[in-house]
Amino acid sequence: MADGIVVLAALFLWLTTPHWPSLVGLRRGSAGVGIAAVTAASMNPTDTAADLHDSLGDGFPDGARLDHPEDRVNFTRWLTYLAEAQYYHPAPGPVIEIQDCAALIRYAFRNALSAHTPAWRQSAEFPSALGEPGFGDVRKFSYPDWSLGHSLFRTRAGPFQTSDLADGTFAEFADAATLLHFNAFFISRDVGAGQPGDLLFFYQPGQREPYHSMLFVGRSYFQPQGVDWIVYHTGDLNGRRGEIREVEARELMQHPDARWRPMEQNPRFLGIYRLEILR
């Protein structure tokens, strides 16, 4: 029995000590393709064995879940607000970064998890004209001081294992297909079931990038009319630089190209999904 206790104690110390080797994850941003090295120092040294347990078996450690209602609300407010703000008040840096649909979500996701300090406002080029939105921050952690370090998204299927932290399973980059398959879970194919922060996915075979994502905002932060706003980036427009657009769900359901209508009878519409960290 004593030997067993010693082994368990050693395992606990191994899990809770920041000794992981450097992580190397592929980050393909809008400005090109690069390698982002995430060192052991970027991991959260306060993680416990419980934080690194995957109680839901969905591939994410419990330490990276937003399990407090207030954190969920604050995260989704920042997520939707930041994405919508780039439509109404684009900033030079984000404009360079956001060149496709997934890039808009990556940008908003990363910055929604950050501590929104004066230093963040400067580095994120947050427009001074917006003032303070009045949202609280996520309190459980502040990116990148969380269980996944500088990484944000899972890149392959499977339940979480501590080895995932060192083998590239998590990365800063995720395209729309990666967001869909490994970082979100299905809610409904009825757009009326969408909640702020949910993602809409489409699959358009034959296109260079067949998967497309949109972000459900709900009530707009920037205009008083309408209730079910959706913001998205078009991606490349036949060789021309794409753009961020915003549209109400009811208008999108009348899109002249039926392939883009978020309706159950449209086989190209995959449905409404919710981010795994909100599961």
C-alpha atoms as a PDB file:
ATOM      1  CA  MET A   1       0.000   0.000   0.000  1.00  0.00           C
ATOM      2  CA  ALA A   2       2.808   2.405   0.944  1.00  0.00           C
ATOM      3  CA  ASP A   3       4.537   1.738  -2.381  1.00  0.00           C
ATOM      4  CA  GLY A   4       1.298   2.547  -4.190  1.00  0.00           C
ATOM      5  CA  ILE A   5       0.963   5.847  -2.352  1.00  0.00           C
ATOM      6  CA  VAL A   6       4.542   6.763  -3.308  1.00  0.00           C
ATOM      7  CA  VAL A   7       3.855   5.981  -6.971  1.00  0.00           C
ATOM      8  CA  LEU A   8       0.672   8.052  -6.949  1.00  0.00           C
ATOM      9  CA  ALA A   9       2.476  10.947  -5.273  1.00  0.00           C
ATOM     10  CA  ALA A  10       5.242  10.814  -7.871  1.00  0.00           C
ATOM     11  CA  LEU A  11       2.699  10.767 -10.688  1.00  0.00           C
ATOM     12  CA  PHE A  12       0.905  13.772  -9.195  1.00  0.00           C
ATOM     13  CA  LEU A  13       4.174  15.731  -8.978  1.00  0.00           C
ATOM     14  CA  TRP A  14       5.024  14.799 -12.557  1.00  0.00           C
ATOM     15  CA  LEU A  15       1.663  16.056 -13.801  1.00  0.00           C
ATOM     16  CA  THR A  16       1.732  19.266 -11.791  1.00  0.00           C
ATOM     17  CA  THR A  17       5.335  20.287 -12.545  1.00  0.00           C
ATOM     18  CA  PRO A  18       5.904  22.497 -15.638  1.00  0.00           C
ATOM     19  CA  HIS A  19       8.455  20.206 -17.249  1.00  0.00           C
ATOM     20  CA  TRP A  20       6.942  19.565 -20.667  1.00  0.00           C
ATOM     21  CA  PRO A  21       9.276  19.792 -23.650  1.00  0.00           C
ATOM     22  CA  SER A  22       8.809  22.524 -26.208  1.00  0.00           C
ATOM     23  CA  LEU A  23       5.691  22.351 -28.303  1.00  0.00           C
ATOM     24  CA  VAL A  24       5.873  23.025 -32.013  1.00  0.00           C
ATOM     25  CA  GLY A  25       2.517  23.779 -33.614  1.00  0.00           C
ATOM     26  CA  LEU A  26       1.723  24.874 -37.128  1.00  0.00           C
ATOM     27  CA  ARG A  27       0.302  28.388 -37.252  1.00  0.00           C
ATOM     28  CA  ARG A  28      -0.899  29.411 -40.675  1.00  0.00           C
ATOM     29  CA  GLY A  29      -2.085  32.961 -40.272  1.00  0.00           C
ATOM     30  CA  SER A  30      -3.551  35.236 -42.885  1.00  0.00           C
ATOM     31  CA  ALA A  31      -0.131  36.727 -43.597  1.00  0.00           C
ATOM     32  CA  GLY A  32       1.394  33.374 -44.485  1.00  0.00           C
ATOM     33  CA  VAL A  33       2.582  30.109 -42.991  1.00  0.00           C
ATOM     34  CA  GLY A  34       4.860  30.026 -39.986  1.00  0.00           C
ATOM     35  CA  ILE A  35       5.933  27.793 -37.146  1.00  0.00           C
ATOM     36  CA  ALA A  36       4.906  28.840 -33.637  1.00  0.00           C
ATOM     37  CA  ALA A  37       7.065  27.300 -30.942  1.00  0.00           C
ATOM     38  CA  VAL A  38       5.324  27.040 -27.600  1.00  0.00           C
ATOM     39  CA  THR A  39       7.846  26.492 -24.842  1.00  0.00           C
ATOM     40  CA  ALA A  40       7.357  24.808 -21.520  1.00  0.00           C
ATOM     41  CA  ALA A  41       7.479  28.219 -19.864  1.00  0.00           C
ATOM     42  CA  SER A  42       4.240  29.143 -21.642  1.00  0.00           C
ATOM     43  CA  MET A  43       2.335  26.343 -19.956  1.00  0.00           C
ATOM     44  CA  ASN A  44       0.357  27.219 -16.845  1.00  0.00           C
ATOM     45  CA  PRO A  45       2.454  26.081 -13.862  1.00  0.00           C
ATOM     46  CA  THR A  46      -0.595  26.081 -11.574  1.00  0.00           C
ATOM     47  CA  ASP A  47      -2.349  23.253 -13.420  1.00  0.00           C
ATOM     48  CA  THR A  48      -3.270  20.315 -11.237  1.00  0.00           C
ATOM     49  CA  ALA A  49      -3.937  16.721 -12.179  1.00  0.00           C
ATOM     50  CA  ALA A  50      -7.648  17.582 -12.161  1.00  0.00           C
ATOM     51  CA  ASP A  51      -7.065  20.431 -14.636  1.00  0.00           C
ATOM     52  CA  LEU A  52      -5.432  17.975 -17.029  1.00  0.00           C
ATOM     53  CA  HIS A  53      -8.250  15.431 -16.767  1.00  0.00           C
ATOM     54  CA  ASP A  54     -10.686  15.155 -19.691  1.00  0.00           C
ATOM     55  CA  SER A  55     -13.906  14.400 -17.819  1.00  0.00           C
ATOM     56  CA  LEU A  56     -16.053  14.665 -20.977  1.00  0.00           C
ATOM     57  CA  GLY A  57     -13.763  12.707 -23.273  1.00  0.00           C
ATOM     58  CA  ASP A  58     -13.965  15.370 -25.968  1.00  0.00           C
ATOM     59  CA  GLY A  59     -10.256  16.067 -26.254  1.00  0.00           C
ATOM     60  CA  PHE A  60      -9.996  19.091 -23.965  1.00  0.00           C
ATOM     61  CA  PRO A  61      -8.573  19.169 -20.440  1.00  0.00           C
ATOM     62  CA  ASP A  62     -10.973  20.372 -17.777  1.00  0.00           C
ATOM     63  CA  GLY A  63      -8.611  23.229 -16.991  1.00  0.00           C
ATOM     64  CA  ALA A  64      -9.379  24.710 -20.432  1.00  0.00           C
ATOM     65  CA  ARG A  65     -13.164  24.600 -20.024  1.00  0.00           C
ATOM     66  CA  LEU A  66     -15.276  27.605 -19.123  1.00  0.00           C
ATOM     67  CA  ASP A  67     -17.387  25.859 -16.515  1.00  0.00           C
ATOM     68  CA  HIS A  68     -18.588  28.939 -14.614  1.00  0.00           C
ATOM     69  CA  PRO A  69     -21.731  30.658 -15.990  1.00  0.00           C
ATOM     70  CA  GLU A  70     -20.232  34.130 -15.609  1.00  0.00           C
ATOM     71  CA  ASP A  71     -17.112  33.144 -17.531  1.00  0.00           C
ATOM     72  CA  ARG A  72     -19.247  31.705 -20.319  1.00  0.00           C
ATOM     73  CA  VAL A  73     -21.237  34.916 -20.603  1.00  0.00           C
ATOM     74  CA  ASN A  74     -18.174  37.155 -20.568  1.00  0.00           C
ATOM     75  CA  PHE A  75     -16.360  34.995 -23.101  1.00  0.00           C
ATOM     76  CA  THR A  76     -19.257  34.917 -25.574  1.00  0.00           C
ATOM     77  CA  ARG A  77     -19.806  38.653 -25.192  1.00  0.00           C
ATOM     78  CA  TRP A  78     -16.185  39.397 -26.029  1.00  0.00           C
ATOM     79  CA  LEU A  79     -16.119  36.779 -28.806  1.00  0.00           C
ATOM     80  CA  THR A  80     -19.119  38.222 -30.635  1.00  0.00           C
ATOM     81  CA  TYR A  81     -18.286  41.833 -29.872  1.00  0.00           C
ATOM     82  CA  LEU A  82     -14.726  41.604 -31.180  1.00  0.00           C
ATOM     83  CA  ALA A  83     -15.790  39.862 -34.374  1.00  0.00           C
ATOM     84  CA  GLU A  84     -18.544  42.381 -35.002  1.00  0.00           C
ATOM     85  CA  ALA A  85     -16.238  45.293 -34.159  1.00  0.00           C
ATOM     86  CA  GLN A  86     -13.951  44.313 -37.052  1.00  0.00           C
ATOM     87  CA  TYR A  87     -16.888  44.823 -39.400  1.00  0.00           C
ATOM     88  CA  TYR A  88     -17.794  48.276 -38.056  1.00  0.00           C
ATOM     89  CA  HIS A  89     -14.347  49.487 -36.933  1.00  0.00           C
ATOM     90  CA  PRO A  90     -11.613  47.499 -38.715  1.00  0.00           C
ATOM     91  CA  ALA A  91      -8.072  47.966 -37.401  1.00  0.00           C
ATOM     92  CA  PRO A  92      -4.942  47.620 -39.592  1.00  0.00           C
ATOM     93  CA  GLY A  93      -3.407  44.644 -37.756  1.00  0.00           C
ATOM     94  CA  PRO A  94      -6.564  42.525 -37.600  1.00  0.00           C
ATOM     95  CA  VAL A  95      -7.349  43.376 -41.224  1.00  0.00           C
ATOM     96  CA  ILE A  96      -4.055  41.752 -42.215  1.00  0.00           C
ATOM     97  CA  GLU A  97      -4.674  38.749 -39.973  1.00  0.00           C
ATOM     98  CA  ILE A  98      -8.300  38.134 -40.910  1.00  0.00           C
ATOM     99  CA  GLN A  99      -8.351  36.883 -44.487  1.00  0.00           C
ATOM    100  CA  ASP A 100     -10.859  34.054 -44.292  1.00  0.00           C
ATOM    101  CA  CYS A 101     -13.808  32.825 -42.257  1.00  0.00           C
ATOM    102  CA  ALA A 102     -11.803  30.802 -39.741  1.00  0.00           C
ATOM    103  CA  ALA A 103      -9.315  33.639 -39.218  1.00  0.00           C
ATOM    104  CA  LEU A 104     -12.127  35.897 -37.981  1.00  0.00           C
ATOM    105  CA  ILE A 105     -13.112  33.276 -35.389  1.00  0.00           C
ATOM    106  CA  ARG A 106      -9.494  32.629 -34.378  1.00  0.00           C
ATOM    107  CA  TYR A 107      -8.930  36.349 -33.870  1.00  0.00           C
ATOM    108  CA  ALA A 108     -12.059  36.803 -31.763  1.00  0.00           C
ATOM    109  CA  PHE A 109     -11.508  33.562 -29.815  1.00  0.00           C
ATOM    110  CA  ARG A 110      -7.930  34.390 -28.837  1.00  0.00           C
ATOM    111  CA  ASN A 111      -8.702  37.937 -27.816  1.00  0.00           C
ATOM    112  CA  ALA A 112     -11.882  37.000 -25.967  1.00  0.00           C
ATOM    113  CA  LEU A 113      -9.810  34.774 -23.668  1.00  0.00           C
ATOM    114  CA  SER A 114      -7.225  37.493 -23.014  1.00  0.00           C
ATOM    115  CA  ALA A 115      -7.132  39.931 -20.118  1.00  0.00           C
ATOM    116  CA  HIS A 116      -8.440  43.182 -21.578  1.00  0.00           C
ATOM    117  CA  THR A 117      -5.859  45.494 -20.087  1.00  0.00           C
ATOM    118  CA  PRO A 118      -4.540  48.776 -21.526  1.00  0.00           C
ATOM    119  CA  ALA A 119      -1.582  46.786 -22.875  1.00  0.00           C
ATOM    120  CA  TRP A 120      -3.988  44.397 -24.609  1.00  0.00           C
ATOM    121  CA  ARG A 121      -5.928  47.304 -26.124  1.00  0.00           C
ATOM    122  CA  GLN A 122      -2.714  48.628 -27.622  1.00  0.00           C
ATOM    123  CA  SER A 123      -1.417  45.293 -28.914  1.00  0.00           C
ATOM    124  CA  ALA A 124      -4.828  44.318 -30.320  1.00  0.00           C
ATOM    125  CA  GLU A 125      -5.250  47.770 -31.890  1.00  0.00           C
ATOM    126  CA  PHE A 126      -8.611  48.047 -30.176  1.00  0.00           C
ATOM    127  CA  PRO A 127     -10.230  51.199 -31.625  1.00  0.00           C
ATOM    128  CA  SER A 128     -10.339  53.993 -29.061  1.00  0.00           C
ATOM    129  CA  ALA A 129     -13.658  55.094 -30.544  1.00  0.00           C
ATOM    130  CA  LEU A 130     -15.282  51.996 -29.063  1.00  0.00           C
ATOM    131  CA  GLY A 131     -14.608  52.992 -25.474  1.00  0.00           C
ATOM    132  CA  GLU A 132     -15.182  50.350 -22.804  1.00  0.00           C
ATOM    133  CA  PRO A 133     -17.831  47.760 -23.676  1.00  0.00           C
ATOM    134  CA  GLY A 134     -18.405  47.067 -19.994  1.00  0.00           C
ATOM    135  CA  PHE A 135     -17.862  43.293 -20.126  1.00  0.00           C
ATOM    136  CA  GLY A 136     -16.045  41.398 -17.437  1.00  0.00           C
ATOM    137  CA  ASP A 137     -13.110  39.166 -18.289  1.00  0.00           C
ATOM    138  CA  VAL A 138     -12.898  35.406 -18.040  1.00  0.00           C
ATOM    139  CA  ARG A 139     -11.761  34.820 -14.454  1.00  0.00           C
ATOM    140  CA  LYS A 140     -10.716  31.168 -14.569  1.00  0.00           C
ATOM    141  CA  PHE A 141      -7.642  32.006 -16.646  1.00  0.00           C
ATOM    142  CA  SER A 142      -6.265  34.563 -19.099  1.00  0.00           C
ATOM    143  CA  TYR A 143      -4.758  33.439 -22.396  1.00  0.00           C
ATOM    144  CA  PRO A 144      -1.972  32.374 -22.757  1.00  0.00           C
ATOM    145  CA  ASP A 145      -1.796  31.465 -19.049  1.00  0.00           C
ATOM    146  CA  TRP A 146      -4.049  28.431 -19.273  1.00  0.00           C
ATOM    147  CA  SER A 147      -3.715  24.674 -19.679  1.00  0.00           C
ATOM    148  CA  LEU A 148      -2.877  24.868 -23.407  1.00  0.00           C
ATOM    149  CA  GLY A 149      -0.313  27.671 -23.291  1.00  0.00           C
ATOM    150  CA  HIS A 150      -0.156  29.604 -26.556  1.00  0.00           C
ATOM    151  CA  SER A 151      -2.120  26.911 -28.340  1.00  0.00           C
ATOM    152  CA  LEU A 152      -5.858  27.357 -28.821  1.00  0.00           C
ATOM    153  CA  PHE A 153      -7.350  24.609 -30.956  1.00  0.00           C
ATOM    154  CA  ARG A 154      -7.318  20.836 -31.111  1.00  0.00           C
ATOM    155  CA  THR A 155      -6.151  19.448 -34.456  1.00  0.00           C
ATOM    156  CA  ARG A 156      -7.035  15.744 -34.242  1.00  0.00           C
ATOM    157  CA  ALA A 157      -9.663  13.460 -32.768  1.00  0.00           C
ATOM    158  CA  GLY A 158      -9.404  11.608 -29.465  1.00  0.00           C
ATOM    159  CA  PRO A 159      -9.718  12.156 -25.726  1.00  0.00           C
ATOM    160  CA  PHE A 160      -7.165  14.418 -24.090  1.00  0.00           C
ATOM    161  CA  GLN A 161      -3.844  12.946 -22.987  1.00  0.00           C
ATOM    162  CA  THR A 162      -0.983  14.845 -21.395  1.00  0.00           C
ATOM    163  CA  SER A 163       1.182  13.856 -24.357  1.00  0.00           C
ATOM    164  CA  ASP A 164      -1.096  16.051 -26.524  1.00  0.00           C
ATOM    165  CA  LEU A 165       0.617  19.056 -24.972  1.00  0.00           C
ATOM    166  CA  ALA A 166       3.931  18.121 -26.553  1.00  0.00           C
ATOM    167  CA  ASP A 167       3.112  16.469 -29.878  1.00  0.00           C
ATOM    168  CA  GLY A 168       1.361  19.207 -31.859  1.00  0.00           C
ATOM    169  CA  THR A 169      -2.185  18.046 -31.105  1.00  0.00           C
ATOM    170  CA  PHE A 170      -2.990  21.620 -30.069  1.00  0.00           C
ATOM    171  CA  ALA A 171      -2.029  24.627 -32.189  1.00  0.00           C
ATOM    172  CA  GLU A 172      -2.687  28.334 -32.620  1.00  0.00           C
ATOM    173  CA  PHE A 173      -4.027  27.720 -36.121  1.00  0.00           C
ATOM    174  CA  ALA A 174      -7.281  26.033 -37.122  1.00  0.00           C
ATOM    175  CA  ASP A 175      -9.082  26.200 -40.443  1.00  0.00           C
ATOM    176  CA  ALA A 176     -12.859  25.892 -40.699  1.00  0.00           C
ATOM    177  CA  ALA A 177     -12.745  22.091 -40.993  1.00  0.00           C
ATOM    178  CA  THR A 178     -10.585  21.831 -37.871  1.00  0.00           C
ATOM    179  CA  LEU A 179     -12.928  24.113 -35.953  1.00  0.00           C
ATOM    180  CA  LEU A 180     -15.867  21.965 -36.987  1.00  0.00           C
ATOM    181  CA  HIS A 181     -14.461  18.489 -36.405  1.00  0.00           C
ATOM    182  CA  PHE A 182     -12.316  18.935 -33.297  1.00  0.00           C
ATOM    183  CA  ASN A 183     -13.292  22.173 -31.541  1.00  0.00           C
ATOM    184  CA  ALA A 184     -17.079  22.356 -31.601  1.00  0.00           C
ATOM    185  CA  PHE A 185     -20.062  20.106 -30.974  1.00  0.00           C
ATOM    186  CA  PHE A 186     -23.372  19.879 -32.793  1.00  0.00           C
ATOM    187  CA  ILE A 187     -26.448  21.730 -31.504  1.00  0.00           C
ATOM    188  CA  SER A 188     -29.071  21.777 -34.254  1.00  0.00           C
ATOM    189  CA  ARG A 189     -29.767  22.344 -37.933  1.00  0.00           C
ATOM    190  CA  ASP A 190     -32.440  24.848 -36.917  1.00  0.00           C
ATOM    191  CA  VAL A 191     -30.833  28.287 -36.939  1.00  0.00           C
ATOM    192  CA  GLY A 192     -33.437  29.356 -34.383  1.00  0.00           C
ATOM    193  CA  ALA A 193     -31.556  27.263 -31.811  1.00  0.00           C
ATOM    194  CA  GLY A 194     -28.463  29.427 -32.158  1.00  0.00           C
ATOM    195  CA  GLN A 195     -27.072  31.321 -29.185  1.00  0.00           C
ATOM    196  CA  PRO A 196     -24.483  34.120 -29.156  1.00  0.00           C
ATOM    197  CA  GLY A 197     -21.063  32.622 -29.775  1.00  0.00           C
ATOM    198  CA  ASP A 198     -22.335  29.604 -31.725  1.00  0.00           C
ATOM    199  CA  LEU A 199     -20.892  28.740 -35.123  1.00  0.00           C
ATOM    200  CA  LEU A 200     -22.696  27.999 -38.378  1.00  0.00           C
ATOM    201  CA  PHE A 201     -20.957  25.626 -40.763  1.00  0.00           C
ATOM    202  CA  PHE A 202     -21.448  25.011 -44.462  1.00  0.00           C
ATOM    203  CA  TYR A 203     -19.836  22.474 -46.764  1.00  0.00           C
ATOM    204  CA  GLN A 204     -19.507  23.455 -50.410  1.00  0.00           C
ATOM    205  CA  PRO A 205     -17.799  20.626 -52.350  1.00  0.00           C
ATOM    206  CA  GLY A 206     -15.797  21.692 -55.357  1.00  0.00           C
ATOM    207  CA  GLN A 207     -14.424  24.820 -53.741  1.00  0.00           C
ATOM    208  CA  ARG A 208     -10.745  25.158 -52.844  1.00  0.00           C
ATOM    209  CA  GLU A 209     -11.781  25.579 -49.212  1.00  0.00           C
ATOM    210  CA  PRO A 210     -15.052  23.615 -48.990  1.00  0.00           C
ATOM    211  CA  TYR A 211     -15.786  24.285 -45.316  1.00  0.00           C
ATOM    212  CA  HIS A 212     -17.095  27.682 -44.318  1.00  0.00           C
ATOM    213  CA  SER A 213     -17.845  29.087 -40.862  1.00  0.00           C
ATOM    214  CA  MET A 214     -19.936  31.967 -39.575  1.00  0.00           C
ATOM    215  CA  LEU A 215     -20.393  33.384 -36.072  1.00  0.00           C
ATOM    216  CA  PHE A 216     -23.837  33.826 -34.552  1.00  0.00           C
ATOM    217  CA  VAL A 217     -23.900  37.197 -32.758  1.00  0.00           C
ATOM    218  CA  GLY A 218     -27.551  37.468 -31.778  1.00  0.00           C
ATOM    219  CA  ARG A 219     -28.471  41.022 -30.892  1.00  0.00           C
ATOM    220  CA  SER A 220     -26.000  43.472 -32.422  1.00  0.00           C
ATOM    221  CA  TYR A 221     -23.759  45.617 -30.252  1.00  0.00           C
ATOM    222  CA  PHE A 222     -23.591  48.275 -32.942  1.00  0.00           C
ATOM    223  CA  GLN A 223     -27.086  48.771 -34.288  1.00  0.00           C
ATOM    224  CA  PRO A 224     -30.442  48.711 -32.534  1.00  0.00           C
ATOM    225  CA  GLN A 225     -32.453  46.867 -35.158  1.00  0.00           C
ATOM    226  CA  GLY A 226     -32.679  43.122 -35.666  1.00  0.00           C
ATOM    227  CA  VAL A 227     -32.039  40.288 -33.226  1.00  0.00           C
ATOM    228  CA  ASP A 228     -30.303  37.374 -34.985  1.00  0.00           C
ATOM    229  CA  TRP A 229     -27.204  38.866 -36.553  1.00  0.00           C
ATOM    230  CA  ILE A 230     -24.504  36.712 -38.117  1.00  0.00           C
ATOM    231  CA  VAL A 231     -20.998  37.951 -38.899  1.00  0.00           C
ATOM    232  CA  TYR A 232     -18.542  36.200 -41.213  1.00  0.00           C
ATOM    233  CA  HIS A 233     -15.631  36.665 -43.572  1.00  0.00           C
ATOM    234  CA  THR A 234     -16.221  35.759 -47.202  1.00  0.00           C
ATOM    235  CA  GLY A 235     -12.758  34.401 -47.840  1.00  0.00           C
ATOM    236  CA  ASP A 236     -11.228  34.872 -51.257  1.00  0.00           C
ATOM    237  CA  LEU A 237     -13.676  36.273 -53.822  1.00  0.00           C
ATOM    238  CA  ASN A 238     -12.529  34.790 -57.120  1.00  0.00           C
ATOM    239  CA  GLY A 239      -9.028  36.156 -56.748  1.00  0.00           C
ATOM    240  CA  ARG A 240     -10.091  39.338 -54.992  1.00  0.00           C
ATOM    241  CA  ARG A 241      -9.501  39.984 -51.312  1.00  0.00           C
ATOM    242  CA  GLY A 242     -12.535  38.974 -49.278  1.00  0.00           C
ATOM    243  CA  GLU A 243     -14.301  41.015 -46.631  1.00  0.00           C
ATOM    244  CA  ILE A 244     -16.185  40.779 -43.358  1.00  0.00           C
ATOM    245  CA  ARG A 245     -19.940  40.945 -43.706  1.00  0.00           C
ATOM    246  CA  GLU A 246     -22.889  40.977 -41.337  1.00  0.00           C
ATOM    247  CA  VAL A 247     -26.418  39.863 -42.085  1.00  0.00           C
ATOM    248  CA  GLU A 248     -29.544  38.922 -40.197  1.00  0.00           C
ATOM    249  CA  ALA A 249     -30.425  35.242 -40.145  1.00  0.00           C
ATOM    250  CA  ARG A 250     -33.772  35.887 -41.835  1.00  0.00           C
ATOM    251  CA  GLU A 251     -32.008  37.606 -44.726  1.00  0.00           C
ATOM    252  CA  LEU A 252     -29.432  34.848 -45.036  1.00  0.00           C
ATOM    253  CA  MET A 253     -32.276  32.346 -45.244  1.00  0.00           C
ATOM    254  CA  GLN A 254     -33.363  34.184 -48.397  1.00  0.00           C
ATOM    255  CA  HIS A 255     -29.896  34.233 -49.947  1.00  0.00           C
ATOM    256  CA  PRO A 256     -30.152  34.176 -53.772  1.00  0.00           C
ATOM    257  CA  ASP A 257     -27.866  31.144 -53.811  1.00  0.00           C
ATOM    258  CA  ALA A 258     -29.774  28.397 -51.982  1.00  0.00           C
ATOM    259  CA  ARG A 259     -26.506  26.679 -51.019  1.00  0.00           C
ATOM    260  CA  TRP A 260     -25.899  29.431 -48.450  1.00  0.00           C
ATOM    261  CA  ARG A 261     -29.254  29.344 -46.745  1.00  0.00           C
ATOM    262  CA  PRO A 262     -29.029  28.090 -43.123  1.00  0.00           C
ATOM    263  CA  MET A 263     -32.060  25.852 -43.468  1.00  0.00           C
ATOM    264  CA  GLU A 264     -32.594  22.197 -42.592  1.00  0.00           C
ATOM    265  CA  GLN A 265     -33.594  21.349 -46.154  1.00  0.00           C
ATOM    266  CA  ASN A 266     -30.280  22.698 -47.466  1.00  0.00           C
ATOM    267  CA  PRO A 267     -27.805  19.761 -47.504  1.00  0.00           C
ATOM    268  CA  ARG A 268     -24.896  22.219 -47.691  1.00  0.00           C
ATOM    269  CA  PHE A 269     -25.786  23.646 -44.281  1.00  0.00           C
ATOM    270  CA  LEU A 270     -24.178  21.456 -41.622  1.00  0.00           C
ATOM    271  CA  GLY A 271     -25.858  23.144 -38.687  1.00  0.00           C
ATOM    272  CA  ILE A 272     -25.276  25.171 -35.540  1.00  0.00           C
ATOM    273  CA  TYR A 273     -22.294  24.165 -33.406  1.00  0.00           C
ATOM    274  CA  ARG A 274     -20.977  25.329 -30.032  1.00  0.00           C
ATOM    275  CA  LEU A 275     -17.325  25.638 -29.018  1.00  0.00           C
ATOM    276  CA  GLU A 276     -15.996  22.749 -26.958  1.00  0.00           C
ATOM    277  CA  ILE A 277     -14.715  24.979 -24.160  1.00  0.00           C
ATOM    278  CA  LEU A 278     -18.384  25.841 -23.510  1.00  0.00           C
ATOM    279  CA  ARG A 279     -19.542  22.215 -23.333  1.00  0.00           C
END
